[in-house]
Amino acid sequence: MSQKGHLEIYGTIKITCSNDYYATLTFGKSSSEGTPVHVEGSVHGPDRAPLTALFGSWNECVYWNDPGKTGTRVLWRAGAMPADHERYYGFTRFAVELNELTDDLTKVLPVTDCRFRPDQRLLECGNLASAEIEKKRVEQNQRERSLKYTKDHYPYEPRWFRRLEQAAGGGNDVPDIYEFNYRYWMLREHPGFPNVPIEPLW
């Protein structure tokens, strides 16, 4: 994995809300890595009339102003990068802290939460050799569980999702569709995951 990442975004997208408001944004191409990338667009109401103009650079700062009014306001500005971010794949502080485990979180998360995955934690700590050993162990356990389900014809049912009807057309080539059943939050509140029997994954 390269330590220095580069993301190229260009073209036009349309973002639609459930209340029929929508925005269109057009991204220009960057001339070289690390330079500001121009973006401009507008927000429209259900009657398609423009409400707000947007412009700026998607990797630095985006502004907005209302038609017929003078002056602009900052809609979004990129935060300061953490120290030594180039050594950590250019991750922002938000990205770096996504996998952080605090004492408060540890008490309420199920043991299957990916933040408890040992090979991932070892990799983050820079222990590559141990991470590789743990990765092989975890993946072997996954294969054995899958084989057991197949051998015993055990009907596996996801705990946090319920299966919906197959997509239109049917057949084995159509993937199953699932939706969140909200049991996760109910069990987290009561009786709490430490009191819920869950098969460990790691």
N, C-alpha and C. Protein backbone atom coordinates (compact mmCIF):
# COMPACT_ATOMS: atom_id res chain seq x y z
N MET A 1 0.84 -1.20 0.00
CA MET A 1 0.00 0.00 0.00
C MET A 1 0.88 1.24 0.00
N SER A 2 0.59 2.13 -0.89
CA SER A 2 1.36 3.37 -0.98
C SER A 2 1.03 4.28 0.19
N GLN A 3 2.05 4.98 0.71
CA GLN A 3 1.81 5.91 1.80
C GLN A 3 1.19 7.22 1.30
N LYS A 4 1.32 7.49 0.02
CA LYS A 4 0.84 8.75 -0.52
C LYS A 4 -0.35 8.48 -1.42
N GLY A 5 -1.51 8.93 -1.03
CA GLY A 5 -2.72 8.68 -1.80
C GLY A 5 -3.08 9.84 -2.70
N HIS A 6 -3.80 9.55 -3.76
CA HIS A 6 -4.25 10.61 -4.67
C HIS A 6 -5.64 10.22 -5.18
N LEU A 7 -6.56 11.16 -5.11
CA LEU A 7 -7.94 10.91 -5.53
C LEU A 7 -8.33 11.93 -6.60
N GLU A 8 -8.81 11.42 -7.72
CA GLU A 8 -9.22 12.28 -8.82
C GLU A 8 -10.73 12.25 -8.96
N ILE A 9 -11.37 13.40 -8.82
CA ILE A 9 -12.82 13.51 -8.97
C ILE A 9 -13.12 14.57 -10.03
N TYR A 10 -13.87 14.20 -11.05
CA TYR A 10 -14.28 15.19 -12.04
C TYR A 10 -15.57 14.73 -12.71
N GLY A 11 -16.27 15.69 -13.26
CA GLY A 11 -17.55 15.39 -13.87
C GLY A 11 -18.68 16.05 -13.09
N THR A 12 -19.92 15.75 -13.45
CA THR A 12 -21.10 16.36 -12.84
C THR A 12 -21.93 15.31 -12.12
N ILE A 13 -22.38 15.65 -10.91
CA ILE A 13 -23.26 14.77 -10.15
C ILE A 13 -24.50 15.54 -9.73
N LYS A 14 -25.57 14.81 -9.47
CA LYS A 14 -26.82 15.40 -8.99
C LYS A 14 -27.19 14.71 -7.68
N ILE A 15 -27.43 15.50 -6.65
CA ILE A 15 -27.79 14.99 -5.32
C ILE A 15 -29.24 15.37 -5.07
N THR A 16 -30.10 14.36 -4.88
CA THR A 16 -31.53 14.60 -4.72
C THR A 16 -31.99 14.24 -3.32
N CYS A 17 -32.79 15.12 -2.70
CA CYS A 17 -33.35 14.87 -1.37
C CYS A 17 -34.77 14.34 -1.51
N SER A 18 -35.28 13.74 -0.43
CA SER A 18 -36.62 13.18 -0.45
C SER A 18 -37.71 14.24 -0.58
N ASN A 19 -37.37 15.51 -0.28
CA ASN A 19 -38.36 16.59 -0.39
C ASN A 19 -38.30 17.29 -1.75
N ASP A 20 -37.63 16.65 -2.72
CA ASP A 20 -37.54 17.14 -4.11
C ASP A 20 -36.58 18.30 -4.28
N TYR A 21 -35.88 18.71 -3.23
CA TYR A 21 -34.79 19.66 -3.41
C TYR A 21 -33.59 18.89 -3.97
N TYR A 22 -32.77 19.53 -4.76
CA TYR A 22 -31.62 18.84 -5.31
C TYR A 22 -30.49 19.83 -5.58
N ALA A 23 -29.29 19.28 -5.71
CA ALA A 23 -28.11 20.08 -6.02
C ALA A 23 -27.35 19.44 -7.17
N THR A 24 -26.76 20.25 -8.01
CA THR A 24 -25.87 19.75 -9.06
C THR A 24 -24.48 20.33 -8.82
N LEU A 25 -23.47 19.48 -8.95
CA LEU A 25 -22.10 19.91 -8.74
C LEU A 25 -21.25 19.42 -9.90
N THR A 26 -20.40 20.30 -10.41
CA THR A 26 -19.48 19.94 -11.48
C THR A 26 -18.05 20.11 -10.98
N PHE A 27 -17.29 19.02 -11.04
CA PHE A 27 -15.90 19.00 -10.58
C PHE A 27 -14.97 19.10 -11.79
N GLY A 28 -13.99 19.99 -11.71
CA GLY A 28 -13.00 20.09 -12.77
C GLY A 28 -11.84 19.14 -12.51
N LYS A 29 -11.00 18.95 -13.50
CA LYS A 29 -9.83 18.09 -13.35
C LYS A 29 -8.68 18.87 -12.72
N SER A 30 -7.90 18.20 -11.90
CA SER A 30 -6.75 18.86 -11.28
C SER A 30 -5.60 18.89 -12.27
N SER A 31 -4.83 19.96 -12.21
CA SER A 31 -3.70 20.10 -13.13
C SER A 31 -2.50 19.31 -12.65
N SER A 32 -2.36 19.14 -11.33
CA SER A 32 -1.27 18.34 -10.77
C SER A 32 -1.68 17.92 -9.37
N GLU A 33 -1.00 16.91 -8.85
CA GLU A 33 -1.35 16.36 -7.54
C GLU A 33 -1.19 17.42 -6.45
N GLY A 34 -2.21 17.54 -5.61
CA GLY A 34 -2.16 18.46 -4.48
C GLY A 34 -2.66 19.85 -4.77
N THR A 35 -2.99 20.17 -6.03
CA THR A 35 -3.49 21.50 -6.36
C THR A 35 -4.99 21.57 -6.10
N PRO A 36 -5.53 22.77 -5.84
CA PRO A 36 -6.97 22.90 -5.62
C PRO A 36 -7.77 22.44 -6.84
N VAL A 37 -8.87 21.73 -6.59
CA VAL A 37 -9.71 21.22 -7.67
C VAL A 37 -11.02 22.01 -7.67
N HIS A 38 -11.26 22.72 -8.73
CA HIS A 38 -12.42 23.61 -8.81
C HIS A 38 -13.73 22.82 -8.84
N VAL A 39 -14.73 23.32 -8.11
CA VAL A 39 -16.06 22.75 -8.12
C VAL A 39 -17.07 23.90 -8.11
N GLU A 40 -18.14 23.75 -8.86
CA GLU A 40 -19.20 24.75 -8.85
C GLU A 40 -20.54 24.06 -9.09
N GLY A 41 -21.58 24.70 -8.61
CA GLY A 41 -22.91 24.11 -8.78
C GLY A 41 -23.97 24.99 -8.18
N SER A 42 -25.14 24.40 -7.94
CA SER A 42 -26.26 25.17 -7.41
C SER A 42 -27.25 24.23 -6.72
N VAL A 43 -28.05 24.81 -5.83
CA VAL A 43 -29.11 24.09 -5.14
C VAL A 43 -30.45 24.58 -5.69
N HIS A 44 -31.37 23.65 -5.94
CA HIS A 44 -32.65 23.98 -6.54
C HIS A 44 -33.80 23.47 -5.68
N GLY A 45 -34.93 24.19 -5.73
CA GLY A 45 -36.14 23.77 -5.04
C GLY A 45 -36.95 22.84 -5.90
N PRO A 46 -38.11 22.39 -5.39
CA PRO A 46 -38.98 21.48 -6.17
C PRO A 46 -39.43 22.07 -7.50
N ASP A 47 -39.47 23.41 -7.57
CA ASP A 47 -39.88 24.05 -8.83
C ASP A 47 -38.70 24.27 -9.78
N ARG A 48 -37.52 23.72 -9.40
CA ARG A 48 -36.30 23.78 -10.20
C ARG A 48 -35.65 25.16 -10.23
N ALA A 49 -36.22 26.11 -9.49
CA ALA A 49 -35.62 27.44 -9.43
C ALA A 49 -34.35 27.39 -8.60
N PRO A 50 -33.25 28.02 -9.05
CA PRO A 50 -32.00 28.01 -8.27
C PRO A 50 -32.15 28.80 -6.97
N LEU A 51 -31.68 28.23 -5.88
CA LEU A 51 -31.78 28.87 -4.57
C LEU A 51 -30.44 29.38 -4.07
N THR A 52 -29.38 28.64 -4.37
CA THR A 52 -28.05 28.98 -3.87
C THR A 52 -27.00 28.56 -4.88
N ALA A 53 -25.98 29.38 -5.04
CA ALA A 53 -24.85 29.03 -5.89
C ALA A 53 -23.71 28.50 -5.02
N LEU A 54 -23.03 27.47 -5.49
CA LEU A 54 -21.92 26.87 -4.78
C LEU A 54 -20.66 26.95 -5.65
N PHE A 55 -19.52 27.20 -5.02
CA PHE A 55 -18.28 27.24 -5.78
C PHE A 55 -17.10 27.14 -4.83
N GLY A 56 -15.97 26.79 -5.36
CA GLY A 56 -14.76 26.67 -4.56
C GLY A 56 -13.91 25.51 -5.04
N SER A 57 -13.21 24.85 -4.12
CA SER A 57 -12.40 23.67 -4.45
C SER A 57 -12.76 22.57 -3.47
N TRP A 58 -13.01 21.37 -3.99
CA TRP A 58 -13.51 20.30 -3.14
C TRP A 58 -12.48 19.82 -2.13
N ASN A 59 -11.19 20.08 -2.37
CA ASN A 59 -10.17 19.63 -1.42
C ASN A 59 -9.64 20.75 -0.54
N GLU A 60 -10.29 21.95 -0.59
CA GLU A 60 -9.85 23.04 0.28
C GLU A 60 -11.02 23.75 0.95
N CYS A 61 -11.90 24.35 0.15
CA CYS A 61 -12.98 25.14 0.73
C CYS A 61 -14.10 25.34 -0.30
N VAL A 62 -15.35 25.27 0.16
CA VAL A 62 -16.51 25.48 -0.71
C VAL A 62 -17.35 26.62 -0.13
N TYR A 63 -17.79 27.54 -1.00
CA TYR A 63 -18.57 28.70 -0.59
C TYR A 63 -19.97 28.63 -1.19
N TRP A 64 -20.87 29.43 -0.61
CA TRP A 64 -22.21 29.56 -1.18
C TRP A 64 -22.69 30.99 -1.06
N ASN A 65 -23.54 31.39 -1.99
CA ASN A 65 -24.20 32.69 -1.88
C ASN A 65 -25.57 32.61 -2.54
N ASP A 66 -26.50 33.43 -2.06
CA ASP A 66 -27.86 33.43 -2.58
C ASP A 66 -27.96 34.35 -3.79
N PRO A 67 -28.75 33.94 -4.78
CA PRO A 67 -28.92 34.79 -5.97
C PRO A 67 -29.45 36.17 -5.59
N GLY A 68 -28.88 37.20 -6.19
CA GLY A 68 -29.33 38.56 -5.94
C GLY A 68 -28.74 39.19 -4.70
N LYS A 69 -27.91 38.46 -3.96
CA LYS A 69 -27.31 39.00 -2.74
C LYS A 69 -25.80 39.08 -2.92
N THR A 70 -25.19 40.04 -2.25
CA THR A 70 -23.74 40.19 -2.32
C THR A 70 -23.09 39.45 -1.15
N GLY A 71 -21.84 39.10 -1.34
CA GLY A 71 -21.10 38.40 -0.29
C GLY A 71 -21.27 36.89 -0.37
N THR A 72 -20.34 36.19 0.20
CA THR A 72 -20.37 34.73 0.22
C THR A 72 -20.14 34.22 1.64
N ARG A 73 -20.51 32.98 1.85
CA ARG A 73 -20.30 32.33 3.14
C ARG A 73 -19.58 31.01 2.94
N VAL A 74 -18.82 30.63 3.93
CA VAL A 74 -18.11 29.35 3.86
C VAL A 74 -19.09 28.22 4.19
N LEU A 75 -19.25 27.31 3.26
CA LEU A 75 -20.09 26.13 3.48
C LEU A 75 -19.30 25.01 4.12
N TRP A 76 -18.08 24.83 3.66
CA TRP A 76 -17.22 23.76 4.18
C TRP A 76 -15.77 24.12 3.97
N ARG A 77 -14.93 23.80 4.94
CA ARG A 77 -13.49 24.03 4.82
C ARG A 77 -12.76 22.79 5.32
N ALA A 78 -11.76 22.35 4.59
CA ALA A 78 -11.00 21.17 5.01
C ALA A 78 -10.27 21.45 6.31
N GLY A 79 -10.32 20.50 7.23
CA GLY A 79 -9.64 20.66 8.51
C GLY A 79 -8.14 20.47 8.37
N ALA A 80 -7.41 20.87 9.39
CA ALA A 80 -5.96 20.72 9.39
C ALA A 80 -5.60 19.24 9.46
N MET A 81 -4.60 18.83 8.71
CA MET A 81 -4.16 17.44 8.73
C MET A 81 -3.37 17.16 10.00
N PRO A 82 -3.47 15.94 10.54
CA PRO A 82 -2.71 15.60 11.75
C PRO A 82 -1.21 15.53 11.46
N ALA A 83 -0.43 15.60 12.51
CA ALA A 83 1.02 15.53 12.36
C ALA A 83 1.41 14.18 11.75
N ASP A 84 2.41 14.20 10.89
CA ASP A 84 2.92 12.99 10.24
C ASP A 84 1.86 12.28 9.41
N HIS A 85 0.90 13.04 8.85
CA HIS A 85 -0.18 12.38 8.10
C HIS A 85 0.34 11.66 6.86
N GLU A 86 1.47 12.12 6.30
CA GLU A 86 2.00 11.46 5.11
C GLU A 86 2.50 10.05 5.42
N ARG A 87 2.85 9.80 6.68
CA ARG A 87 3.29 8.45 7.07
C ARG A 87 2.10 7.52 7.27
N TYR A 88 0.90 8.08 7.35
CA TYR A 88 -0.30 7.29 7.62
C TYR A 88 -1.30 7.42 6.47
N TYR A 89 -0.80 7.28 5.25
CA TYR A 89 -1.63 7.20 4.04
C TYR A 89 -2.46 8.44 3.80
N GLY A 90 -2.06 9.58 4.37
CA GLY A 90 -2.80 10.81 4.14
C GLY A 90 -4.15 10.86 4.83
N PHE A 91 -4.35 10.02 5.85
CA PHE A 91 -5.63 10.00 6.56
C PHE A 91 -5.86 11.31 7.30
N THR A 92 -7.12 11.76 7.29
CA THR A 92 -7.50 12.91 8.11
C THR A 92 -7.62 12.46 9.56
N ARG A 93 -7.77 13.42 10.47
CA ARG A 93 -7.94 13.03 11.88
C ARG A 93 -9.19 12.19 12.07
N PHE A 94 -10.25 12.52 11.34
CA PHE A 94 -11.48 11.74 11.42
C PHE A 94 -11.23 10.29 11.02
N ALA A 95 -10.50 10.09 9.92
CA ALA A 95 -10.24 8.73 9.44
C ALA A 95 -9.34 7.97 10.41
N VAL A 96 -8.35 8.65 10.98
CA VAL A 96 -7.43 8.01 11.91
C VAL A 96 -8.18 7.53 13.16
N GLU A 97 -9.17 8.30 13.60
CA GLU A 97 -9.86 7.99 14.85
C GLU A 97 -11.08 7.09 14.67
N LEU A 98 -11.42 6.72 13.41
CA LEU A 98 -12.60 5.89 13.17
C LEU A 98 -12.53 4.57 13.92
N ASN A 99 -11.36 3.99 14.02
CA ASN A 99 -11.21 2.66 14.61
C ASN A 99 -10.77 2.72 16.07
N GLU A 100 -10.78 3.91 16.65
CA GLU A 100 -10.31 4.06 18.03
C GLU A 100 -11.29 3.41 19.01
N LEU A 101 -10.74 2.72 19.98
CA LEU A 101 -11.55 2.08 21.03
C LEU A 101 -11.31 2.79 22.35
N THR A 102 -12.37 3.31 22.94
CA THR A 102 -12.28 3.92 24.27
C THR A 102 -12.90 2.98 25.29
N ASP A 103 -12.66 3.23 26.55
CA ASP A 103 -13.23 2.38 27.61
C ASP A 103 -14.75 2.38 27.55
N ASP A 104 -15.34 3.54 27.28
CA ASP A 104 -16.80 3.62 27.21
C ASP A 104 -17.35 2.77 26.08
N LEU A 105 -16.67 2.79 24.92
CA LEU A 105 -17.13 1.98 23.79
C LEU A 105 -16.94 0.50 24.04
N THR A 106 -15.82 0.13 24.63
CA THR A 106 -15.53 -1.28 24.88
C THR A 106 -16.62 -1.93 25.71
N LYS A 107 -17.24 -1.17 26.61
CA LYS A 107 -18.26 -1.73 27.50
C LYS A 107 -19.58 -2.00 26.80
N VAL A 108 -19.83 -1.33 25.67
CA VAL A 108 -21.15 -1.44 25.05
C VAL A 108 -21.15 -2.13 23.69
N LEU A 109 -19.98 -2.40 23.13
CA LEU A 109 -19.92 -3.01 21.80
C LEU A 109 -20.01 -4.53 21.89
N PRO A 110 -20.59 -5.18 20.88
CA PRO A 110 -20.58 -6.65 20.84
C PRO A 110 -19.18 -7.15 20.49
N VAL A 111 -18.88 -8.39 20.89
CA VAL A 111 -17.54 -8.93 20.66
C VAL A 111 -17.24 -9.10 19.17
N THR A 112 -18.28 -9.05 18.33
CA THR A 112 -18.09 -9.21 16.89
C THR A 112 -17.77 -7.89 16.19
N ASP A 113 -17.73 -6.79 16.92
CA ASP A 113 -17.41 -5.50 16.31
C ASP A 113 -16.00 -5.56 15.73
N CYS A 114 -15.84 -5.06 14.51
CA CYS A 114 -14.55 -5.17 13.82
C CYS A 114 -13.43 -4.42 14.53
N ARG A 115 -13.78 -3.51 15.44
CA ARG A 115 -12.74 -2.80 16.18
C ARG A 115 -12.02 -3.70 17.16
N PHE A 116 -12.58 -4.89 17.42
CA PHE A 116 -11.91 -5.87 18.28
C PHE A 116 -11.07 -6.86 17.48
N ARG A 117 -11.10 -6.77 16.17
CA ARG A 117 -10.36 -7.74 15.35
C ARG A 117 -8.86 -7.61 15.63
N PRO A 118 -8.22 -8.68 16.10
CA PRO A 118 -6.83 -8.56 16.58
C PRO A 118 -5.81 -8.26 15.50
N ASP A 119 -5.96 -8.84 14.30
CA ASP A 119 -4.96 -8.57 13.27
C ASP A 119 -5.02 -7.12 12.81
N GLN A 120 -6.21 -6.56 12.79
CA GLN A 120 -6.37 -5.16 12.42
C GLN A 120 -5.71 -4.26 13.44
N ARG A 121 -5.91 -4.57 14.72
CA ARG A 121 -5.31 -3.76 15.79
C ARG A 121 -3.79 -3.86 15.77
N LEU A 122 -3.26 -5.06 15.53
CA LEU A 122 -1.81 -5.23 15.47
C LEU A 122 -1.21 -4.46 14.29
N LEU A 123 -1.93 -4.46 13.17
CA LEU A 123 -1.45 -3.73 11.99
C LEU A 123 -1.39 -2.24 12.28
N GLU A 124 -2.40 -1.73 12.96
CA GLU A 124 -2.42 -0.30 13.29
C GLU A 124 -1.28 0.07 14.22
N CYS A 125 -0.89 -0.89 15.05
CA CYS A 125 0.21 -0.63 16.00
C CYS A 125 1.58 -0.87 15.36
N GLY A 126 1.60 -1.24 14.08
CA GLY A 126 2.86 -1.43 13.38
C GLY A 126 3.50 -2.79 13.55
N ASN A 127 2.78 -3.75 14.16
CA ASN A 127 3.33 -5.09 14.37
C ASN A 127 2.89 -5.97 13.20
N LEU A 128 3.59 -5.85 12.07
CA LEU A 128 3.18 -6.51 10.84
C LEU A 128 3.28 -8.03 10.91
N ALA A 129 4.33 -8.54 11.52
CA ALA A 129 4.53 -9.99 11.58
C ALA A 129 3.40 -10.66 12.37
N SER A 130 3.09 -10.13 13.55
CA SER A 130 2.02 -10.70 14.37
C SER A 130 0.66 -10.51 13.71
N ALA A 131 0.49 -9.38 13.01
CA ALA A 131 -0.78 -9.12 12.32
C ALA A 131 -1.03 -10.18 11.24
N GLU A 132 0.01 -10.56 10.53
CA GLU A 132 -0.14 -11.57 9.48
C GLU A 132 -0.51 -12.93 10.07
N ILE A 133 0.08 -13.27 11.19
CA ILE A 133 -0.24 -14.55 11.86
C ILE A 133 -1.70 -14.56 12.32
N GLU A 134 -2.13 -13.46 12.93
CA GLU A 134 -3.51 -13.37 13.41
C GLU A 134 -4.50 -13.36 12.26
N LYS A 135 -4.14 -12.72 11.15
CA LYS A 135 -5.02 -12.67 9.98
C LYS A 135 -5.27 -14.08 9.45
N LYS A 136 -4.25 -14.89 9.38
CA LYS A 136 -4.41 -16.27 8.90
C LYS A 136 -5.29 -17.08 9.85
N ARG A 137 -5.10 -16.86 11.16
CA ARG A 137 -5.91 -17.58 12.15
C ARG A 137 -7.38 -17.20 12.05
N VAL A 138 -7.65 -15.90 11.96
CA VAL A 138 -9.02 -15.41 11.86
C VAL A 138 -9.70 -15.93 10.60
N GLU A 139 -9.00 -15.89 9.49
CA GLU A 139 -9.58 -16.35 8.23
C GLU A 139 -9.82 -17.85 8.22
N GLN A 140 -8.93 -18.61 8.88
CA GLN A 140 -9.14 -20.06 8.98
C GLN A 140 -10.38 -20.37 9.81
N ASN A 141 -10.57 -19.62 10.89
CA ASN A 141 -11.78 -19.79 11.71
C ASN A 141 -13.04 -19.48 10.89
N GLN A 142 -12.96 -18.47 10.06
CA GLN A 142 -14.10 -18.13 9.21
C GLN A 142 -14.42 -19.27 8.24
N ARG A 143 -13.40 -19.86 7.66
CA ARG A 143 -13.63 -20.97 6.72
C ARG A 143 -14.24 -22.17 7.43
N GLU A 144 -13.78 -22.44 8.65
CA GLU A 144 -14.31 -23.58 9.41
C GLU A 144 -15.76 -23.36 9.80
N ARG A 145 -16.12 -22.14 10.16
CA ARG A 145 -17.51 -21.86 10.50
C ARG A 145 -18.40 -22.00 9.27
N SER A 146 -17.93 -21.49 8.15
CA SER A 146 -18.69 -21.60 6.91
C SER A 146 -18.89 -23.06 6.52
N LEU A 147 -17.85 -23.87 6.67
CA LEU A 147 -17.94 -25.29 6.34
C LEU A 147 -18.93 -26.01 7.25
N LYS A 148 -18.95 -25.61 8.53
CA LYS A 148 -19.88 -26.23 9.48
C LYS A 148 -21.32 -25.93 9.10
N TYR A 149 -21.59 -24.66 8.73
CA TYR A 149 -22.94 -24.30 8.31
C TYR A 149 -23.38 -25.13 7.10
N THR A 150 -22.45 -25.29 6.15
CA THR A 150 -22.77 -26.04 4.93
C THR A 150 -22.96 -27.53 5.23
N LYS A 151 -22.08 -28.09 6.05
CA LYS A 151 -22.12 -29.52 6.35
C LYS A 151 -23.35 -29.89 7.14
N ASP A 152 -23.70 -29.08 8.13
CA ASP A 152 -24.84 -29.39 9.00
C ASP A 152 -26.15 -28.83 8.47
N HIS A 153 -26.10 -28.19 7.29
CA HIS A 153 -27.29 -27.56 6.71
C HIS A 153 -27.94 -26.60 7.70
N TYR A 154 -27.07 -25.88 8.40
CA TYR A 154 -27.54 -24.94 9.42
C TYR A 154 -28.03 -23.66 8.75
N PRO A 155 -29.27 -23.30 8.93
CA PRO A 155 -29.80 -22.08 8.27
C PRO A 155 -29.29 -20.82 8.96
N TYR A 156 -28.26 -20.25 8.39
CA TYR A 156 -27.68 -19.06 9.00
C TYR A 156 -28.63 -17.87 8.88
N GLU A 157 -28.86 -17.20 10.00
CA GLU A 157 -29.72 -16.02 10.02
C GLU A 157 -28.95 -14.85 10.62
N PRO A 158 -28.77 -13.77 9.88
CA PRO A 158 -28.10 -12.59 10.43
C PRO A 158 -28.84 -12.08 11.66
N ARG A 159 -28.08 -11.60 12.63
CA ARG A 159 -28.69 -11.14 13.88
C ARG A 159 -29.27 -9.74 13.76
N TRP A 160 -28.62 -8.90 12.95
CA TRP A 160 -29.03 -7.50 12.91
C TRP A 160 -29.79 -7.12 11.65
N PHE A 161 -30.03 -8.08 10.76
CA PHE A 161 -30.73 -7.79 9.51
C PHE A 161 -31.78 -8.86 9.24
N ARG A 162 -32.81 -8.51 8.50
CA ARG A 162 -33.80 -9.50 8.09
C ARG A 162 -33.84 -9.57 6.58
N ARG A 163 -34.05 -10.77 6.09
CA ARG A 163 -34.03 -10.99 4.65
C ARG A 163 -35.35 -10.58 4.02
N LEU A 164 -35.26 -9.80 2.95
CA LEU A 164 -36.44 -9.41 2.21
C LEU A 164 -36.63 -10.36 1.03
N GLU A 165 -37.68 -10.16 0.27
CA GLU A 165 -37.89 -10.98 -0.91
C GLU A 165 -36.79 -10.68 -1.93
N GLN A 166 -36.53 -11.67 -2.78
CA GLN A 166 -35.51 -11.48 -3.80
C GLN A 166 -35.91 -10.36 -4.75
N ALA A 167 -34.90 -9.76 -5.34
CA ALA A 167 -35.15 -8.68 -6.29
C ALA A 167 -35.93 -9.21 -7.49
N ALA A 168 -36.58 -8.29 -8.20
CA ALA A 168 -37.39 -8.68 -9.35
C ALA A 168 -36.58 -9.51 -10.33
N GLY A 169 -37.17 -10.59 -10.82
CA GLY A 169 -36.47 -11.46 -11.75
C GLY A 169 -36.14 -12.80 -11.14
N GLY A 170 -35.84 -12.81 -9.81
CA GLY A 170 -35.56 -14.06 -9.12
C GLY A 170 -34.36 -14.77 -9.69
N GLY A 171 -34.20 -16.04 -9.29
CA GLY A 171 -33.08 -16.82 -9.79
C GLY A 171 -31.88 -16.72 -8.89
N ASN A 172 -30.96 -17.66 -9.06
CA ASN A 172 -29.78 -17.71 -8.21
C ASN A 172 -28.79 -16.59 -8.50
N ASP A 173 -28.91 -15.95 -9.66
CA ASP A 173 -27.98 -14.89 -10.00
C ASP A 173 -28.37 -13.55 -9.38
N VAL A 174 -29.49 -13.49 -8.69
CA VAL A 174 -29.94 -12.26 -8.04
C VAL A 174 -29.54 -12.30 -6.57
N PRO A 175 -28.77 -11.33 -6.09
CA PRO A 175 -28.34 -11.35 -4.69
C PRO A 175 -29.50 -11.13 -3.74
N ASP A 176 -29.39 -11.74 -2.54
CA ASP A 176 -30.40 -11.52 -1.51
C ASP A 176 -30.37 -10.07 -1.05
N ILE A 177 -31.51 -9.58 -0.60
CA ILE A 177 -31.63 -8.21 -0.12
C ILE A 177 -32.00 -8.25 1.37
N TYR A 178 -31.27 -7.50 2.17
CA TYR A 178 -31.51 -7.45 3.61
C TYR A 178 -31.76 -6.02 4.05
N GLU A 179 -32.48 -5.87 5.15
CA GLU A 179 -32.64 -4.55 5.75
C GLU A 179 -32.40 -4.63 7.24
N PHE A 180 -31.92 -3.54 7.81
CA PHE A 180 -31.60 -3.46 9.23
C PHE A 180 -32.87 -3.66 10.06
N ASN A 181 -32.78 -4.50 11.13
CA ASN A 181 -33.97 -4.80 11.92
C ASN A 181 -34.03 -4.03 13.25
N TYR A 182 -33.03 -3.20 13.53
CA TYR A 182 -32.99 -2.34 14.72
C TYR A 182 -32.79 -3.12 16.02
N ARG A 183 -32.61 -4.45 15.98
CA ARG A 183 -32.38 -5.21 17.21
C ARG A 183 -31.04 -4.86 17.84
N TYR A 184 -30.11 -4.43 17.02
CA TYR A 184 -28.79 -4.06 17.55
C TYR A 184 -28.94 -3.02 18.65
N TRP A 185 -29.67 -1.94 18.34
CA TRP A 185 -29.78 -0.85 19.32
C TRP A 185 -30.64 -1.26 20.51
N MET A 186 -31.64 -2.11 20.29
CA MET A 186 -32.48 -2.57 21.40
C MET A 186 -31.68 -3.42 22.37
N LEU A 187 -30.88 -4.36 21.84
CA LEU A 187 -30.08 -5.23 22.71
C LEU A 187 -28.92 -4.47 23.34
N ARG A 188 -28.41 -3.50 22.66
CA ARG A 188 -27.33 -2.69 23.25
C ARG A 188 -27.85 -1.94 24.47
N GLU A 189 -29.10 -1.48 24.39
CA GLU A 189 -29.70 -0.76 25.51
C GLU A 189 -30.10 -1.71 26.63
N HIS A 190 -30.70 -2.82 26.27
CA HIS A 190 -31.15 -3.80 27.27
C HIS A 190 -31.24 -5.19 26.64
N PRO A 191 -30.54 -6.18 27.18
CA PRO A 191 -29.80 -6.19 28.45
C PRO A 191 -28.35 -5.76 28.33
N GLY A 192 -27.89 -5.33 27.16
CA GLY A 192 -26.49 -4.97 26.96
C GLY A 192 -25.74 -6.16 26.37
N PHE A 193 -24.80 -5.89 25.48
CA PHE A 193 -24.11 -6.97 24.78
C PHE A 193 -23.31 -7.91 25.68
N PRO A 194 -22.75 -7.45 26.81
CA PRO A 194 -22.07 -8.41 27.69
C PRO A 194 -23.00 -9.50 28.21
N ASN A 195 -24.31 -9.27 28.16
CA ASN A 195 -25.29 -10.24 28.65
C ASN A 195 -25.99 -10.98 27.52
N VAL A 196 -25.52 -10.80 26.29
CA VAL A 196 -26.12 -11.45 25.12
C VAL A 196 -25.17 -12.51 24.59
N PRO A 197 -25.60 -13.78 24.47
CA PRO A 197 -24.72 -14.82 23.93
C PRO A 197 -24.45 -14.59 22.45
N ILE A 198 -23.20 -14.28 22.13
CA ILE A 198 -22.78 -14.03 20.74
C ILE A 198 -21.55 -14.86 20.46
N GLU A 199 -21.57 -15.61 19.38
CA GLU A 199 -20.41 -16.42 19.01
C GLU A 199 -19.26 -15.50 18.62
N PRO A 200 -18.10 -15.63 19.26
CA PRO A 200 -16.96 -14.75 18.91
C PRO A 200 -16.43 -15.07 17.53
N LEU A 201 -15.98 -14.04 16.84
CA LEU A 201 -15.43 -14.20 15.50
C LEU A 201 -13.91 -14.22 15.48
N TRP A 202 -13.31 -13.68 16.52
CA TRP A 202 -11.86 -13.50 16.49
C TRP A 202 -11.16 -14.51 17.38
